[in-house]
């Protein structure tokens, strides 16, 4: 293997390593985004439930329970 072939081989190895690392980072980012979305949905559901409870409490306190 001459110097040119060796440099091409090393460049190919570096490219493959960079692509693998980029794929790992993409997977991590996707996982983090999904986790954040799940957390936001859960927080939204909790807020909705608390608002419904507050509405019911007001209705019961004012006697406007329809």
C-alpha atoms as a PDB file:
ATOM      1  CA  UNK A   1       0.000   0.000   0.000  1.00  0.00           C
ATOM      2  CA  UNK A   2       1.494   3.331  -1.011  1.00  0.00           C
ATOM      3  CA  UNK A   3       1.084   6.654   0.796  1.00  0.00           C
ATOM      4  CA  UNK A   4      -1.865   7.702  -1.375  1.00  0.00           C
ATOM      5  CA  UNK A   5      -3.735   4.474  -0.705  1.00  0.00           C
ATOM      6  CA  UNK A   6      -2.968   4.722   2.994  1.00  0.00           C
ATOM      7  CA  UNK A   7      -4.280   8.287   3.134  1.00  0.00           C
ATOM      8  CA  UNK A   8      -7.448   7.247   1.276  1.00  0.00           C
ATOM      9  CA  UNK A   9      -7.952   4.350   3.669  1.00  0.00           C
ATOM     10  CA  UNK A  10      -7.493   6.570   6.702  1.00  0.00           C
ATOM     11  CA  UNK A  11      -9.861   9.167   5.233  1.00  0.00           C
ATOM     12  CA  UNK A  12     -12.452   6.465   4.644  1.00  0.00           C
ATOM     13  CA  UNK A  13     -12.062   5.243   8.205  1.00  0.00           C
ATOM     14  CA  UNK A  14     -12.444   8.786   9.543  1.00  0.00           C
ATOM     15  CA  UNK A  15     -15.547   9.354   7.407  1.00  0.00           C
ATOM     16  CA  UNK A  16     -17.136   6.108   8.611  1.00  0.00           C
ATOM     17  CA  UNK A  17     -16.382   7.008  12.222  1.00  0.00           C
ATOM     18  CA  UNK A  18     -17.856  10.498  11.766  1.00  0.00           C
ATOM     19  CA  UNK A  19     -21.008   9.075  10.164  1.00  0.00           C
ATOM     20  CA  UNK A  20     -21.431   6.589  13.015  1.00  0.00           C
ATOM     21  CA  UNK A  21     -20.981   9.347  15.605  1.00  0.00           C
ATOM     22  CA  UNK A  22     -23.460  11.586  13.757  1.00  0.00           C
ATOM     23  CA  UNK A  23     -25.987   8.763  13.769  1.00  0.00           C
ATOM     24  CA  UNK A  24     -25.529   8.267  17.500  1.00  0.00           C
ATOM     25  CA  UNK A  25     -25.968  11.988  18.149  1.00  0.00           C
ATOM     26  CA  UNK A  26     -29.093  12.056  15.976  1.00  0.00           C
ATOM     27  CA  UNK A  27     -30.545   9.126  17.930  1.00  0.00           C
ATOM     28  CA  UNK A  28     -29.757  10.843  21.239  1.00  0.00           C
ATOM     29  CA  UNK A  29     -31.361  14.092  20.075  1.00  0.00           C
ATOM     30  CA  UNK A  30     -34.434  12.232  18.864  1.00  0.00           C
ATOM     31  CA  UNK A  31     -34.733  10.416  22.175  1.00  0.00           C
ATOM     32  CA  UNK A  32     -34.363  13.671  24.120  1.00  0.00           C
ATOM     33  CA  UNK A  33     -37.008  15.346  21.967  1.00  0.00           C
ATOM     34  CA  UNK A  34     -39.437  12.456  22.492  1.00  0.00           C
ATOM     35  CA  UNK A  35     -38.817  12.542  26.225  1.00  0.00           C
ATOM     36  CA  UNK A  36     -39.445  16.293  26.326  1.00  0.00           C
ATOM     37  CA  UNK A  37     -42.644  15.868  24.324  1.00  0.00           C
ATOM     38  CA  UNK A  38     -43.853  13.145  26.686  1.00  0.00           C
ATOM     39  CA  UNK A  39     -43.084  15.339  29.699  1.00  0.00           C
ATOM     40  CA  UNK A  40     -44.943  18.285  28.204  1.00  0.00           C
ATOM     41  CA  UNK A  41     -47.975  16.132  27.410  1.00  0.00           C
ATOM     42  CA  UNK A  42     -48.015  14.803  30.958  1.00  0.00           C
ATOM     43  CA  UNK A  43     -47.704  18.316  32.396  1.00  0.00           C
ATOM     44  CA  UNK A  44     -50.504  19.525  30.127  1.00  0.00           C
ATOM     45  CA  UNK A  45     -52.759  16.689  31.230  1.00  0.00           C
ATOM     46  CA  UNK A  46     -52.064  17.494  34.884  1.00  0.00           C
ATOM     47  CA  UNK A  47     -52.864  21.173  34.291  1.00  0.00           C
ATOM     48  CA  UNK A  48     -56.095  20.218  32.535  1.00  0.00           C
ATOM     49  CA  UNK A  49     -57.133  17.994  35.442  1.00  0.00           C
ATOM     50  CA  UNK A  50     -56.349  20.724  37.983  1.00  0.00           C
ATOM     51  CA  UNK A  51     -58.355  23.256  35.980  1.00  0.00           C
ATOM     52  CA  UNK A  52     -61.300  20.853  35.858  1.00  0.00           C
ATOM     53  CA  UNK A  53     -61.038  20.287  39.622  1.00  0.00           C
ATOM     54  CA  UNK A  54     -60.936  24.041  40.216  1.00  0.00           C
ATOM     55  CA  UNK A  55     -63.968  24.552  37.990  1.00  0.00           C
ATOM     56  CA  UNK A  56     -65.889  21.897  39.903  1.00  0.00           C
ATOM     57  CA  UNK A  57     -64.871  23.463  43.229  1.00  0.00           C
ATOM     58  CA  UNK A  58     -66.137  26.862  42.078  1.00  0.00           C
ATOM     59  CA  UNK A  59     -69.388  25.343  40.843  1.00  0.00           C
ATOM     60  CA  UNK A  60     -69.902  23.556  44.144  1.00  0.00           C
ATOM     61  CA  UNK A  61     -69.055  26.650  46.174  1.00  0.00           C
ATOM     62  CA  UNK A  62     -71.436  28.879  44.220  1.00  0.00           C
ATOM     63  CA  UNK A  63     -74.191  26.339  43.852  1.00  0.00           C
ATOM     64  CA  UNK A  64     -74.155  26.460  40.030  1.00  0.00           C
ATOM     65  CA  UNK A  65     -73.657  22.759  39.548  1.00  0.00           C
ATOM     66  CA  UNK A  66     -75.434  22.032  36.270  1.00  0.00           C
END
